[in-house]
Structures are given as structure tokens and as C-alpha cells.
Amino acid sequence: MKQLDMVFGSQSGKTKNHFRLSYANNDLNKEVIQKAMADLAELGIFVNKSGEQIYTTPISAKYVETTDTPIFE
């Protein structure tokens, strides 16, 4: 399964936070993803326990593909 992994900096700039989408379109280009990340950051609706916004600065994005390897069933 492919996931879209978007990395953001926090409000303080001290941490990086991942926002992963499992059902994202696999054909999105750089401009579309950058715009979506900027829009998400602008909302300012995701905060940690301290009230700090965790998705404020878009840093990077990538598709991550994982493979399940069963050991036994």
C-alpha cells in the first residue's frame, strides 16, 4: 500500500511531525502537494498537549510504499 507522507515543522520549530494519508491519489505533482500542505498549515487546527500547533511549516513530502511479509498464519 502506498501512503502520502507529509512532514511539517511545529510552531516552535523544534519538532518535525508526519501527516500520513493512506488513500491519497498516487499521481499528485509537487505543486498540488505543496499547495495542500500550505492550506493545511494555514488552518492551524492541529495542536499538541501544550497547545502548540504541530503542522505549521511544510518541510517535505514523499510516497511511502510498504510490503507485508507474513511470518506465519
C-alpha atoms as a PDB file:
ATOM      1  CA  MET A   1       0.000   0.000   0.000  1.00  0.00           C
ATOM      2  CA  LYS A   2       1.231   3.498  -0.841  1.00  0.00           C
ATOM      3  CA  GLN A   3       0.871   6.348   1.605  1.00  0.00           C
ATOM      4  CA  LEU A   4       1.495  10.048   1.168  1.00  0.00           C
ATOM      5  CA  ASP A   5       3.808  11.137   3.991  1.00  0.00           C
ATOM      6  CA  MET A   6       3.929  14.910   4.512  1.00  0.00           C
ATOM      7  CA  VAL A   7       6.415  16.345   7.012  1.00  0.00           C
ATOM      8  CA  PHE A   8       5.766  19.627   8.817  1.00  0.00           C
ATOM      9  CA  GLY A   9       7.694  21.687  11.316  1.00  0.00           C
ATOM     10  CA  SER A  10       5.972  22.662  14.552  1.00  0.00           C
ATOM     11  CA  GLN A  11       5.178  26.182  15.693  1.00  0.00           C
ATOM     12  CA  SER A  12       8.326  26.285  17.846  1.00  0.00           C
ATOM     13  CA  GLY A  13      10.443  24.815  15.067  1.00  0.00           C
ATOM     14  CA  LYS A  14      11.794  22.198  17.465  1.00  0.00           C
ATOM     15  CA  THR A  15       9.985  19.131  16.127  1.00  0.00           C
ATOM     16  CA  LYS A  16       9.033  17.527  12.832  1.00  0.00           C
ATOM     17  CA  ASN A  17       5.619  15.904  12.545  1.00  0.00           C
ATOM     18  CA  HIS A  18       4.368  13.453   9.923  1.00  0.00           C
ATOM     19  CA  PHE A  19       0.888  13.632   8.420  1.00  0.00           C
ATOM     20  CA  ARG A  20       0.206  10.368   6.550  1.00  0.00           C
ATOM     21  CA  LEU A  21      -2.658   9.704   4.189  1.00  0.00           C
ATOM     22  CA  SER A  22      -3.400   6.126   3.202  1.00  0.00           C
ATOM     23  CA  TYR A  23      -5.847   6.839   0.394  1.00  0.00           C
ATOM     24  CA  ALA A  24      -4.199   9.734  -1.433  1.00  0.00           C
ATOM     25  CA  ASN A  25      -4.038   9.926  -5.206  1.00  0.00           C
ATOM     26  CA  ASN A  26      -0.716   8.409  -6.370  1.00  0.00           C
ATOM     27  CA  ASP A  27      -0.340  10.868  -9.252  1.00  0.00           C
ATOM     28  CA  LEU A  28      -0.187  14.183  -7.382  1.00  0.00           C
ATOM     29  CA  ASN A  29       2.545  16.535  -8.516  1.00  0.00           C
ATOM     30  CA  LYS A  30       4.826  18.748  -6.424  1.00  0.00           C
ATOM     31  CA  GLU A  31       2.741  21.895  -6.851  1.00  0.00           C
ATOM     32  CA  VAL A  32      -0.515  20.223  -5.790  1.00  0.00           C
ATOM     33  CA  ILE A  33       1.058  18.686  -2.690  1.00  0.00           C
ATOM     34  CA  GLN A  34       2.815  21.923  -1.725  1.00  0.00           C
ATOM     35  CA  LYS A  35      -0.473  23.834  -2.034  1.00  0.00           C
ATOM     36  CA  ALA A  36      -2.335  21.210   0.028  1.00  0.00           C
ATOM     37  CA  MET A  37       0.356  21.327   2.714  1.00  0.00           C
ATOM     38  CA  ALA A  38       0.266  25.134   2.823  1.00  0.00           C
ATOM     39  CA  ASP A  39      -3.531  25.061   3.112  1.00  0.00           C
ATOM     40  CA  LEU A  40      -3.354  22.504   5.928  1.00  0.00           C
ATOM     41  CA  ALA A  41      -0.737  24.540   7.788  1.00  0.00           C
ATOM     42  CA  GLU A  42      -2.834  27.702   7.399  1.00  0.00           C
ATOM     43  CA  LEU A  43      -5.799  26.077   9.165  1.00  0.00           C
ATOM     44  CA  GLY A  44      -3.883  25.834  12.437  1.00  0.00           C
ATOM     45  CA  ILE A  45      -6.273  23.226  13.844  1.00  0.00           C
ATOM     46  CA  PHE A  46      -3.801  20.551  14.970  1.00  0.00           C
ATOM     47  CA  VAL A  47      -2.193  21.148  18.369  1.00  0.00           C
ATOM     48  CA  ASN A  48      -0.271  19.078  20.898  1.00  0.00           C
ATOM     49  CA  LYS A  49      -0.993  18.825  24.651  1.00  0.00           C
ATOM     50  CA  SER A  50       0.783  22.131  25.267  1.00  0.00           C
ATOM     51  CA  GLY A  51      -1.382  23.952  22.731  1.00  0.00           C
ATOM     52  CA  GLU A  52       1.455  24.290  20.206  1.00  0.00           C
ATOM     53  CA  GLN A  53       0.462  23.988  16.554  1.00  0.00           C
ATOM     54  CA  ILE A  54       2.182  20.922  15.121  1.00  0.00           C
ATOM     55  CA  TYR A  55       1.672  21.373  11.359  1.00  0.00           C
ATOM     56  CA  THR A  56       2.831  24.931  10.674  1.00  0.00           C
ATOM     57  CA  THR A  57       5.734  24.747   8.220  1.00  0.00           C
ATOM     58  CA  PRO A  58       5.716  22.337   5.250  1.00  0.00           C
ATOM     59  CA  ILE A  59       9.119  20.636   5.014  1.00  0.00           C
ATOM     60  CA  SER A  60       8.848  17.671   2.645  1.00  0.00           C
ATOM     61  CA  ALA A  61       6.566  15.037   1.158  1.00  0.00           C
ATOM     62  CA  LYS A  62       7.029  11.559  -0.245  1.00  0.00           C
ATOM     63  CA  TYR A  63       5.119   8.451  -1.162  1.00  0.00           C
ATOM     64  CA  VAL A  64       5.889   5.512   1.119  1.00  0.00           C
ATOM     65  CA  GLU A  65       5.171   2.004  -0.065  1.00  0.00           C
ATOM     66  CA  THR A  66       5.106  -0.837   2.437  1.00  0.00           C
ATOM     67  CA  THR A  67       5.144  -4.555   1.861  1.00  0.00           C
ATOM     68  CA  ASP A  68       3.694  -7.047   4.312  1.00  0.00           C
ATOM     69  CA  THR A  69       5.726 -10.192   4.775  1.00  0.00           C
ATOM     70  CA  PRO A  70       3.764 -12.794   6.761  1.00  0.00           C
ATOM     71  CA  ILE A  71       5.790 -14.892   9.158  1.00  0.00           C
ATOM     72  CA  PHE A  72       3.012 -17.357   9.877  1.00  0.00           C
ATOM     73  CA  GLU A  73      -0.761 -17.565   9.537  1.00  0.00           C
END
